[in-house]
PDB file of N, CA and C in Angstrom:
ATOM      1  N   MET A   1     -35.936 -21.087  82.275  1.00  0.00           N
ATOM      2  CA  MET A   1     -35.063 -19.951  82.052  1.00  0.00           C
ATOM      3  C   MET A   1     -33.655 -20.400  81.635  1.00  0.00           C
ATOM      4  N   ARG A   2     -33.200 -21.444  82.230  1.00  0.00           N
ATOM      5  CA  ARG A   2     -31.862 -21.965  81.903  1.00  0.00           C
ATOM      6  C   ARG A   2     -31.785 -22.428  80.444  1.00  0.00           C
ATOM      7  N   ARG A   3     -32.835 -23.045  79.950  1.00  0.00           N
ATOM      8  CA  ARG A   3     -32.868 -23.532  78.574  1.00  0.00           C
ATOM      9  C   ARG A   3     -32.750 -22.378  77.592  1.00  0.00           C
ATOM     10  N   CYS A   4     -33.336 -21.257  77.888  1.00  0.00           N
ATOM     11  CA  CYS A   4     -33.257 -20.083  77.008  1.00  0.00           C
ATOM     12  C   CYS A   4     -31.823 -19.589  76.878  1.00  0.00           C
ATOM     13  N   THR A   5     -31.113 -19.556  77.969  1.00  0.00           N
ATOM     14  CA  THR A   5     -29.736 -19.062  77.895  1.00  0.00           C
ATOM     15  C   THR A   5     -28.862 -20.029  77.109  1.00  0.00           C
ATOM     16  N   LEU A   6     -29.109 -21.320  77.228  1.00  0.00           N
ATOM     17  CA  LEU A   6     -28.339 -22.279  76.442  1.00  0.00           C
ATOM     18  C   LEU A   6     -28.610 -22.118  74.954  1.00  0.00           C
ATOM     19  N   LEU A   7     -29.863 -21.909  74.604  1.00  0.00           N
ATOM     20  CA  LEU A   7     -30.195 -21.720  73.188  1.00  0.00           C
ATOM     21  C   LEU A   7     -29.558 -20.458  72.644  1.00  0.00           C
ATOM     22  N   ASN A   8     -29.562 -19.404  73.424  1.00  0.00           N
ATOM     23  CA  ASN A   8     -28.945 -18.161  72.969  1.00  0.00           C
ATOM     24  C   ASN A   8     -27.438 -18.322  72.788  1.00  0.00           C
ATOM     25  N   SER A   9     -26.780 -19.031  73.703  1.00  0.00           N
ATOM     26  CA  SER A   9     -25.333 -19.218  73.561  1.00  0.00           C
ATOM     27  C   SER A   9     -25.013 -20.106  72.360  1.00  0.00           C
ATOM     28  N   GLU A  10     -25.883 -21.076  72.061  1.00  0.00           N
ATOM     29  CA  GLU A  10     -25.665 -21.909  70.874  1.00  0.00           C
ATOM     30  C   GLU A  10     -25.817 -21.085  69.607  1.00  0.00           C
ATOM     31  N   LYS A  11     -26.767 -20.166  69.589  1.00  0.00           N
ATOM     32  CA  LYS A  11     -26.946 -19.308  68.420  1.00  0.00           C
ATOM     33  C   LYS A  11     -25.719 -18.438  68.203  1.00  0.00           C
ATOM     34  N   ILE A  12     -25.174 -17.933  69.270  1.00  0.00           N
ATOM     35  CA  ILE A  12     -23.995 -17.066  69.161  1.00  0.00           C
ATOM     36  C   ILE A  12     -22.799 -17.860  68.653  1.00  0.00           C
ATOM     37  N   SER A  13     -22.617 -19.072  69.152  1.00  0.00           N
ATOM     38  CA  SER A  13     -21.449 -19.852  68.746  1.00  0.00           C
ATOM     39  C   SER A  13     -21.553 -20.361  67.310  1.00  0.00           C
ATOM     40  N   ASN A  14     -22.763 -20.425  66.764  1.00  0.00           N
ATOM     41  CA  ASN A  14     -22.934 -20.912  65.398  1.00  0.00           C
ATOM     42  C   ASN A  14     -22.963 -19.792  64.362  1.00  0.00           C
ATOM     43  N   LYS A  15     -22.783 -18.564  64.790  1.00  0.00           N
ATOM     44  CA  LYS A  15     -22.798 -17.462  63.821  1.00  0.00           C
ATOM     45  C   LYS A  15     -21.618 -17.574  62.873  1.00  0.00           C
ATOM     46  N   ARG A  16     -21.773 -17.013  61.708  1.00  0.00           N
ATOM     47  CA  ARG A  16     -20.705 -17.054  60.707  1.00  0.00           C
ATOM     48  C   ARG A  16     -19.504 -16.201  61.097  1.00  0.00           C
ATOM     49  N   TYR A  17     -19.669 -15.332  62.053  1.00  0.00           N
ATOM     50  CA  TYR A  17     -18.582 -14.463  62.488  1.00  0.00           C
ATOM     51  C   TYR A  17     -17.412 -15.274  63.047  1.00  0.00           C
ATOM     52  N   PHE A  18     -17.697 -16.367  63.696  1.00  0.00           N
ATOM     53  CA  PHE A  18     -16.649 -17.118  64.368  1.00  0.00           C
ATOM     54  C   PHE A  18     -15.817 -17.961  63.408  1.00  0.00           C
ATOM     55  N   TYR A  19     -16.348 -18.322  62.264  1.00  0.00           N
ATOM     56  CA  TYR A  19     -15.582 -19.141  61.329  1.00  0.00           C
ATOM     57  C   TYR A  19     -14.357 -18.409  60.780  1.00  0.00           C
ATOM     58  N   PRO A  20     -14.465 -17.157  60.341  1.00  0.00           N
ATOM     59  CA  PRO A  20     -13.248 -16.460  59.885  1.00  0.00           C
ATOM     60  C   PRO A  20     -12.241 -16.257  61.013  1.00  0.00           C
ATOM     61  N   MET A  21     -12.727 -16.063  62.228  1.00  0.00           N
ATOM     62  CA  MET A  21     -11.807 -15.879  63.346  1.00  0.00           C
ATOM     63  C   MET A  21     -11.002 -17.156  63.597  1.00  0.00           C
ATOM     64  N   LYS A  22     -11.647 -18.299  63.497  1.00  0.00           N
ATOM     65  CA  LYS A  22     -10.932 -19.567  63.644  1.00  0.00           C
ATOM     66  C   LYS A  22      -9.869 -19.702  62.569  1.00  0.00           C
ATOM     67  N   SER A  23     -10.232 -19.372  61.353  1.00  0.00           N
ATOM     68  CA  SER A  23      -9.291 -19.478  60.236  1.00  0.00           C
ATOM     69  C   SER A  23      -8.102 -18.556  60.434  1.00  0.00           C
ATOM     70  N   ILE A  24      -8.395 -17.335  60.842  1.00  0.00           N
ATOM     71  CA  ILE A  24      -7.316 -16.359  61.053  1.00  0.00           C
ATOM     72  C   ILE A  24      -6.389 -16.850  62.155  1.00  0.00           C
ATOM     73  N   ARG A  25      -6.951 -17.367  63.246  1.00  0.00           N
ATOM     74  CA  ARG A  25      -6.123 -17.872  64.342  1.00  0.00           C
ATOM     75  C   ARG A  25      -5.270 -19.046  63.901  1.00  0.00           C
ATOM     76  N   ARG A  26      -5.847 -19.927  63.108  1.00  0.00           N
ATOM     77  CA  ARG A  26      -5.075 -21.086  62.653  1.00  0.00           C
ATOM     78  C   ARG A  26      -3.969 -20.680  61.689  1.00  0.00           C
ATOM     79  N   ILE A  27      -4.244 -19.719  60.832  1.00  0.00           N
ATOM     80  CA  ILE A  27      -3.219 -19.233  59.895  1.00  0.00           C
ATOM     81  C   ILE A  27      -2.092 -18.553  60.659  1.00  0.00           C
ATOM     82  N   LEU A  28      -2.443 -17.727  61.645  1.00  0.00           N
ATOM     83  CA  LEU A  28      -1.410 -17.072  62.460  1.00  0.00           C
ATOM     84  C   LEU A  28      -0.591 -18.096  63.242  1.00  0.00           C
ATOM     85  N   ALA A  29      -1.230 -19.125  63.739  1.00  0.00           N
ATOM     86  CA  ALA A  29      -0.503 -20.177  64.456  1.00  0.00           C
ATOM     87  C   ALA A  29       0.447 -20.909  63.519  1.00  0.00           C
ATOM     88  N   ALA A  30       0.009 -21.152  62.292  1.00  0.00           N
ATOM     89  CA  ALA A  30       0.878 -21.822  61.319  1.00  0.00           C
ATOM     90  C   ALA A  30       2.091 -20.959  60.992  1.00  0.00           C
ATOM     91  N   PHE A  31       1.891 -19.650  60.817  1.00  0.00           N
ATOM     92  CA  PHE A  31       3.017 -18.745  60.558  1.00  0.00           C
ATOM     93  C   PHE A  31       3.966 -18.696  61.746  1.00  0.00           C
ATOM     94  N   ALA A  32       3.424 -18.684  62.944  1.00  0.00           N
ATOM     95  CA  ALA A  32       4.274 -18.669  64.136  1.00  0.00           C
ATOM     96  C   ALA A  32       5.093 -19.951  64.223  1.00  0.00           C
ATOM     97  N   LEU A  33       4.471 -21.075  63.924  1.00  0.00           N
ATOM     98  CA  LEU A  33       5.181 -22.351  63.943  1.00  0.00           C
ATOM     99  C   LEU A  33       6.280 -22.384  62.885  1.00  0.00           C
ATOM    100  N   LEU A  34       5.984 -21.867  61.702  1.00  0.00           N
ATOM    101  CA  LEU A  34       7.005 -21.804  60.653  1.00  0.00           C
ATOM    102  C   LEU A  34       8.168 -20.906  61.063  1.00  0.00           C
ATOM    103  N   ALA A  35       7.863 -19.782  61.691  1.00  0.00           N
ATOM    104  CA  ALA A  35       8.919 -18.869  62.129  1.00  0.00           C
ATOM    105  C   ALA A  35       9.826 -19.542  63.155  1.00  0.00           C
ATOM    106  N   VAL A  36       9.240 -20.247  64.091  1.00  0.00           N
ATOM    107  CA  VAL A  36      10.040 -20.941  65.107  1.00  0.00           C
ATOM    108  C   VAL A  36      10.863 -22.054  64.467  1.00  0.00           C
ATOM    109  N   ALA A  37      10.288 -22.756  63.501  1.00  0.00           N
ATOM    110  CA  ALA A  37      11.023 -23.825  62.826  1.00  0.00           C
ATOM    111  C   ALA A  37      12.212 -23.264  62.044  1.00  0.00           C
ATOM    112  N   PHE A  38      12.003 -22.167  61.318  1.00  0.00           N
ATOM    113  CA  PHE A  38      13.110 -21.558  60.575  1.00  0.00           C
ATOM    114  C   PHE A  38      14.190 -21.047  61.518  1.00  0.00           C
ATOM    115  N   GLN A  39      13.782 -20.503  62.654  1.00  0.00           N
ATOM    116  CA  GLN A  39      14.757 -20.026  63.626  1.00  0.00           C
ATOM    117  C   GLN A  39      15.587 -21.196  64.158  1.00  0.00           C
ATOM    118  N   ALA A  40      14.945 -22.306  64.416  1.00  0.00           N
ATOM    119  CA  ALA A  40      15.659 -23.481  64.931  1.00  0.00           C
ATOM    120  C   ALA A  40      16.636 -24.025  63.893  1.00  0.00           C
ATOM    121  N   VAL A  41      16.200 -24.106  62.642  1.00  0.00           N
ATOM    122  CA  VAL A  41      17.084 -24.601  61.580  1.00  0.00           C
ATOM    123  C   VAL A  41      18.254 -23.650  61.388  1.00  0.00           C
ATOM    124  N   GLY A  42      17.980 -22.351  61.379  1.00  0.00           N
ATOM    125  CA  GLY A  42      19.060 -21.367  61.237  1.00  0.00           C
ATOM    126  C   GLY A  42      20.046 -21.426  62.381  1.00  0.00           C
ATOM    127  N   SER A  43      19.547 -21.615  63.574  1.00  0.00           N
ATOM    128  CA  SER A  43      20.415 -21.725  64.741  1.00  0.00           C
ATOM    129  C   SER A  43      21.294 -22.969  64.650  1.00  0.00           C
ATOM    130  N   PHE A  44      20.695 -24.081  64.240  1.00  0.00           N
ATOM    131  CA  PHE A  44      21.472 -25.312  64.101  1.00  0.00           C
ATOM    132  C   PHE A  44      22.539 -25.176  63.025  1.00  0.00           C
ATOM    133  N   LEU A  45      22.180 -24.590  61.888  1.00  0.00           N
ATOM    134  CA  LEU A  45      23.158 -24.439  60.809  1.00  0.00           C
ATOM    135  C   LEU A  45      24.289 -23.507  61.220  1.00  0.00           C
ATOM    136  N   SER A  46      23.971 -22.460  61.962  1.00  0.00           N
ATOM    137  CA  SER A  46      24.995 -21.552  62.463  1.00  0.00           C
ATOM    138  C   SER A  46      25.947 -22.284  63.402  1.00  0.00           C
ATOM    139  N   TRP A  47      25.373 -23.109  64.281  1.00  0.00           N
ATOM    140  CA  TRP A  47      26.196 -23.884  65.216  1.00  0.00           C
ATOM    141  C   TRP A  47      27.087 -24.866  64.453  1.00  0.00           C
ATOM    142  N   ALA A  48      26.531 -25.519  63.449  1.00  0.00           N
ATOM    143  CA  ALA A  48      27.299 -26.488  62.666  1.00  0.00           C
ATOM    144  C   ALA A  48      28.441 -25.802  61.928  1.00  0.00           C
ATOM    145  N   GLN A  49      28.192 -24.605  61.419  1.00  0.00           N
ATOM    146  CA  GLN A  49      29.250 -23.879  60.710  1.00  0.00           C
ATOM    147  C   GLN A  49      30.362 -23.480  61.676  1.00  0.00           C
ATOM    148  N   ARG A  50      29.990 -23.060  62.875  1.00  0.00           N
ATOM    149  CA  ARG A  50      31.013 -22.718  63.866  1.00  0.00           C
ATOM    150  C   ARG A  50      31.832 -23.948  64.243  1.00  0.00           C
ATOM    151  N   GLN A  51      31.210 -25.126  64.269  1.00  0.00           N
ATOM    152  CA  GLN A  51      31.945 -26.343  64.587  1.00  0.00           C
ATOM    153  C   GLN A  51      32.940 -26.672  63.484  1.00  0.00           C
ATOM    154  N   ASP A  52      32.570 -26.414  62.227  1.00  0.00           N
ATOM    155  CA  ASP A  52      33.480 -26.672  61.105  1.00  0.00           C
ATOM    156  C   ASP A  52      34.653 -25.710  61.107  1.00  0.00           C
ATOM    157  N   ASP A  53      34.418 -24.458  61.522  1.00  0.00           N
ATOM    158  CA  ASP A  53      35.475 -23.453  61.513  1.00  0.00           C
ATOM    159  C   ASP A  53      36.464 -23.632  62.661  1.00  0.00           C
ATOM    160  N   ALA A  54      36.027 -24.231  63.735  1.00  0.00           N
ATOM    161  CA  ALA A  54      36.887 -24.408  64.909  1.00  0.00           C
ATOM    162  C   ALA A  54      37.905 -25.518  64.640  1.00  0.00           C
ATOM    163  N   PRO A  55      39.101 -25.353  65.189  1.00  0.00           N
ATOM    164  CA  PRO A  55      40.093 -26.431  65.009  1.00  0.00           C
ATOM    165  C   PRO A  55      39.635 -27.684  65.762  1.00  0.00           C
ATOM    166  N   ALA A  56      39.917 -28.806  65.172  1.00  0.00           N
ATOM    167  CA  ALA A  56      39.480 -30.076  65.765  1.00  0.00           C
ATOM    168  C   ALA A  56      40.477 -30.505  66.828  1.00  0.00           C
ATOM    169  N   ASP A  57      39.985 -30.709  68.020  1.00  0.00           N
ATOM    170  CA  ASP A  57      40.812 -31.255  69.101  1.00  0.00           C
ATOM    171  C   ASP A  57      40.488 -32.737  69.203  1.00  0.00           C
ATOM    172  N   ALA A  58      41.174 -33.517  68.417  1.00  0.00           N
ATOM    173  CA  ALA A  58      40.886 -34.950  68.374  1.00  0.00           C
ATOM    174  C   ALA A  58      41.711 -35.655  69.440  1.00  0.00           C
ATOM    175  N   TRP A  59      41.086 -36.603  70.072  1.00  0.00           N
ATOM    176  CA  TRP A  59      41.811 -37.428  71.030  1.00  0.00           C
ATOM    177  C   TRP A  59      42.587 -38.479  70.248  1.00  0.00           C
ATOM    178  N   ILE A  60      43.869 -38.515  70.496  1.00  0.00           N
ATOM    179  CA  ILE A  60      44.712 -39.488  69.803  1.00  0.00           C
ATOM    180  C   ILE A  60      45.180 -40.512  70.833  1.00  0.00           C
ATOM    181  N   ASP A  61      44.948 -41.732  70.517  1.00  0.00           N
ATOM    182  CA  ASP A  61      45.406 -42.813  71.394  1.00  0.00           C
ATOM    183  C   ASP A  61      46.933 -42.836  71.344  1.00  0.00           C
ATOM    184  N   GLU A  62      47.572 -43.055  72.495  1.00  0.00           N
ATOM    185  CA  GLU A  62      49.049 -43.022  72.536  1.00  0.00           C
ATOM    186  C   GLU A  62      49.655 -44.122  71.659  1.00  0.00           C
ATOM    187  N   ASP A  63      49.007 -45.272  71.583  1.00  0.00           N
ATOM    188  CA  ASP A  63      49.541 -46.351  70.742  1.00  0.00           C
ATOM    189  C   ASP A  63      49.471 -45.960  69.269  1.00  0.00           C
ATOM    190  N   GLU A  64      48.400 -45.332  68.872  1.00  0.00           N
ATOM    191  CA  GLU A  64      48.268 -44.895  67.481  1.00  0.00           C
ATOM    192  C   GLU A  64      49.283 -43.799  67.169  1.00  0.00           C
ATOM    193  N   PHE A  65      49.538 -42.935  68.151  1.00  0.00           N
ATOM    194  CA  PHE A  65      50.493 -41.835  67.947  1.00  0.00           C
ATOM    195  C   PHE A  65      51.902 -42.394  67.744  1.00  0.00           C
ATOM    196  N   GLU A  66      52.264 -43.421  68.502  1.00  0.00           N
ATOM    197  CA  GLU A  66      53.591 -44.033  68.368  1.00  0.00           C
ATOM    198  C   GLU A  66      53.734 -44.757  67.039  1.00  0.00           C
ATOM    199  N   ASP A  67      52.641 -45.389  66.571  1.00  0.00           N
ATOM    200  CA  ASP A  67      52.704 -46.091  65.302  1.00  0.00           C
ATOM    201  C   ASP A  67      52.851 -45.138  64.120  1.00  0.00           C
ATOM    202  N   ALA A  68      52.301 -43.948  64.232  1.00  0.00           N
ATOM    203  CA  ALA A  68      52.374 -42.977  63.141  1.00  0.00           C
ATOM    204  C   ALA A  68      53.726 -42.362  63.178  1.00  0.00           C
TER     205      ALA A  68
END
């Protein structure tokens, strides 16, 4: 009886129905990964632009300040 259930489950897993579902899941995962990557790049570029716009608080060595 156990062998019959294994054969039936193998038949179900080998049906053509599951192949498009795998493809759809992989395509959706790729789009999700791309969306997260674009969000990360956009966030980094936004942060970099804010750093450029902010005034630079540079540490000046006192010896260098006296020489200038």
